[in-house]
Protein backbone atom coordinates (compact mmCIF):
# COMPACT_ATOMS: atom_id res chain seq x y z
CA MET A 1 125.52 13.71 251.95
CA THR A 2 127.05 11.89 249.27
CA ASN A 3 130.08 10.43 251.10
CA GLY A 4 132.07 10.50 254.36
CA ASP A 5 134.58 12.80 253.06
CA GLU A 6 132.84 15.78 255.08
CA SER A 7 132.71 13.85 258.28
CA ARG A 8 136.42 12.69 258.26
CA PHE A 9 137.39 16.70 257.19
CA LEU A 10 135.33 17.76 259.95
CA ALA A 11 136.54 15.28 262.77
CA ASP A 12 140.17 16.07 261.72
CA ALA A 13 139.52 20.04 261.58
CA TYR A 14 138.16 19.71 265.17
CA ARG A 15 140.39 17.18 266.55
CA GLY A 16 142.07 18.83 269.76
CA VAL A 17 139.91 21.85 269.44
CA ALA A 18 137.88 22.77 272.49
CA THR A 19 134.40 23.97 271.84
CA LEU A 20 131.40 25.45 273.92
CA SER A 21 128.29 23.16 274.72
CA GLY A 22 126.26 23.30 271.59
CA LYS A 23 129.02 24.08 269.14
CA GLY A 24 131.57 22.02 267.23
CA ILE A 25 130.95 18.76 265.78
CA PRO A 26 127.39 18.47 267.12
CA HIS A 27 126.34 21.88 266.15
CA ALA A 28 127.71 21.24 262.46
CA ARG A 29 125.81 18.16 262.33
CA ALA A 30 122.48 19.65 263.58
CA VAL A 31 123.18 22.50 260.92
CA ALA A 32 123.43 20.20 257.83
CA GLN A 33 120.40 18.03 259.24
CA ILE A 34 118.21 21.13 259.28
CA LEU A 35 119.33 21.72 255.75
CA ARG A 36 118.82 18.09 254.78
CA GLU A 37 115.18 18.09 256.21
CA ASN A 38 114.37 21.32 254.21
CA GLY A 39 115.26 20.01 251.00
CA SER A 40 118.60 21.53 250.47
CA ASP A 41 121.35 19.83 247.85
CA ASP A 42 124.15 17.99 249.07
CA ALA A 43 126.54 20.99 248.18
CA THR A 44 124.51 23.19 250.79
CA GLN A 45 124.65 20.29 253.38
CA VAL A 46 128.28 20.27 252.93
CA VAL A 47 128.51 24.13 253.54
CA GLY A 48 126.38 23.69 256.43
CA LEU A 49 128.52 20.94 257.86
CA LEU A 50 131.84 23.27 257.43
CA HIS A 51 130.25 26.63 258.12
CA ASP A 52 132.22 27.08 261.57
CA VAL A 53 135.69 25.40 260.41
CA LEU A 54 137.39 28.68 259.66
CA GLU A 55 136.35 30.57 262.94
CA ASP A 56 136.79 27.21 265.32
CA THR A 57 139.81 25.35 263.83
CA PRO A 58 143.30 25.91 262.33
CA ARG A 59 141.64 25.04 258.98
CA THR A 60 142.10 27.57 256.06
CA ALA A 61 139.96 28.47 253.27
CA ALA A 62 142.71 26.83 250.99
CA ASP A 63 142.27 23.56 252.99
CA ILE A 64 138.56 23.68 252.24
CA ARG A 65 139.05 24.25 248.77
CA ALA A 66 141.27 21.58 248.40
CA ALA A 67 139.01 19.33 249.91
CA PHE A 68 135.57 20.47 248.41
CA GLY A 69 136.28 22.99 245.52
CA THR A 70 136.16 26.80 245.38
CA ASP A 71 132.46 26.93 245.57
CA VAL A 72 132.03 25.20 249.09
CA ALA A 73 135.25 27.38 250.21
CA GLU A 74 134.05 30.58 249.19
CA LYS A 75 130.54 30.08 250.72
CA VAL A 76 132.11 29.20 253.97
CA ALA A 77 134.27 32.18 253.79
CA VAL A 78 131.24 34.21 253.40
CA LEU A 79 129.61 32.54 256.51
CA SER A 80 132.85 33.35 258.80
CA ASP A 81 133.15 36.25 260.98
CA ASP A 82 135.98 38.77 260.29
CA ARG A 83 137.90 38.49 263.59
CA SER A 84 139.66 41.71 262.83
CA VAL A 85 136.51 43.73 263.47
CA LYS A 86 136.42 43.77 267.28
CA ARG A 87 133.04 45.19 267.97
CA TYR A 88 130.51 42.40 268.29
CA ALA A 89 127.56 44.27 266.43
CA GLN A 90 129.64 45.93 263.77
CA ARG A 91 131.24 42.54 262.84
CA LYS A 92 127.69 40.85 262.66
CA ARG A 93 126.36 43.80 260.56
CA LEU A 94 129.30 43.01 258.15
CA LEU A 95 128.56 39.41 258.28
CA ARG A 96 124.89 39.89 257.49
CA SER A 97 125.73 42.20 254.66
CA ARG A 98 128.07 39.82 253.15
CA ILE A 99 125.55 36.66 253.53
CA ALA A 100 122.75 38.84 251.82
CA ALA A 101 125.06 39.62 249.11
CA ALA A 102 125.74 36.02 248.45
CA GLY A 103 121.89 35.07 248.54
CA SER A 104 120.85 31.59 248.64
CA PRO A 105 122.00 28.89 249.70
CA VAL A 106 124.39 30.82 251.92
CA VAL A 107 121.27 32.59 253.56
CA ASP A 108 119.75 29.30 254.10
CA VAL A 109 123.01 28.10 255.95
CA SER A 110 122.99 30.99 258.23
CA LEU A 111 119.25 30.59 259.35
CA ALA A 112 119.84 26.83 259.85
CA ASP A 113 122.81 27.83 261.88
CA LYS A 114 120.63 29.82 264.09
CA ILE A 115 117.82 27.48 264.15
CA ALA A 116 120.17 24.76 265.39
CA THR A 117 121.87 27.31 268.13
CA LEU A 118 118.37 28.18 269.49
CA ARG A 119 117.20 24.58 269.50
CA HIS A 120 120.06 23.52 271.50
CA ALA A 121 119.66 26.69 273.86
CA LEU A 122 115.91 25.66 274.55
CA GLU A 123 116.75 22.03 275.09
CA THR A 124 119.50 22.69 277.56
CA GLY A 125 118.04 25.68 279.19
CA THR A 126 121.23 27.65 278.06
CA PRO A 127 120.49 31.60 277.97
CA VAL A 128 120.94 33.47 274.62
CA SER A 129 122.42 36.98 275.06
CA SER A 130 120.58 39.91 273.97
CA PRO A 131 123.24 40.74 271.26
CA HIS A 132 122.95 37.39 269.90
CA LEU A 133 119.09 37.31 269.75
CA ALA A 134 119.30 40.86 267.93
CA HIS A 135 121.63 39.52 265.51
CA TYR A 136 119.44 36.45 264.83
CA ARG A 137 116.30 38.83 264.53
CA ALA A 138 118.31 40.92 262.03
CA THR A 139 118.95 37.88 260.06
CA LEU A 140 115.82 36.51 259.77
CA ARG A 141 114.62 40.40 258.60
CA LEU A 142 117.33 40.13 255.98
CA ALA A 143 115.92 36.63 254.75
CA GLN A 144 112.42 37.63 254.94
CA ALA A 145 113.01 40.86 252.78
CA ALA A 146 114.68 38.43 250.30
CA ASP A 147 111.91 36.12 250.28
CA ALA A 148 114.52 33.28 251.14
CA ALA A 149 113.94 30.20 252.65
CA PRO A 150 110.25 30.52 253.88
CA ALA A 151 110.31 27.36 255.69
CA LEU A 152 113.55 28.24 257.67
CA CYS A 153 112.65 31.67 258.37
CA GLY A 154 109.21 30.13 259.89
CA GLN A 155 111.16 28.20 262.08
CA LEU A 156 113.71 30.56 263.24
CA GLU A 157 110.96 33.00 263.77
CA ALA A 158 109.21 30.55 266.08
CA LEU A 159 112.23 29.73 267.98
CA LEU A 160 113.08 33.28 268.48
CA ASP A 161 109.46 34.00 269.80
CA ARG A 162 109.85 30.98 272.43
CA VAL A 163 113.36 31.94 273.50
CA SER A 164 112.03 35.89 274.02
CA HIS A 165 109.03 34.30 275.92
CA GLN A 166 111.60 32.38 278.05
CA VAL A 167 113.61 35.31 278.56
CA ALA A 168 110.65 37.53 279.41
CA ARG A 169 109.85 34.97 282.26
CA THR A 170 113.34 34.99 284.02
């Protein structure tokens, strides 16, 4: 990334916010790092860094827009759950449809998000719920159907296989 504004914004946004293990700032940094390692541009890495801010913190899309511009704010908003939809499966279907409509690089950030989450789960032995795994697989199928980010798709597919084998053994 080009400067420290993103890190300062992220630190300020999460100040005083309780997050689960594997979420929050460490997760945001892991997503941005995966995008960097896979050749994403700086703007996509910023979206990756901020992708959970609207869901996890008091920050708004207007705050992101003021700090990083309309394009970044709109992409972060697309990647954010609509909390007015109460049923998990329905909420995630809606999220995937918005991500598919937005295309790359939003799809890339979504894939990197799942890769970071699964890596953390495998490293810490944290179980991943069946609904989450179903959502991750559906996201992978969406990306594959769009021929999006083959390297990220390959990484996610390999991690899903590893997690599935781990679940099968328990």
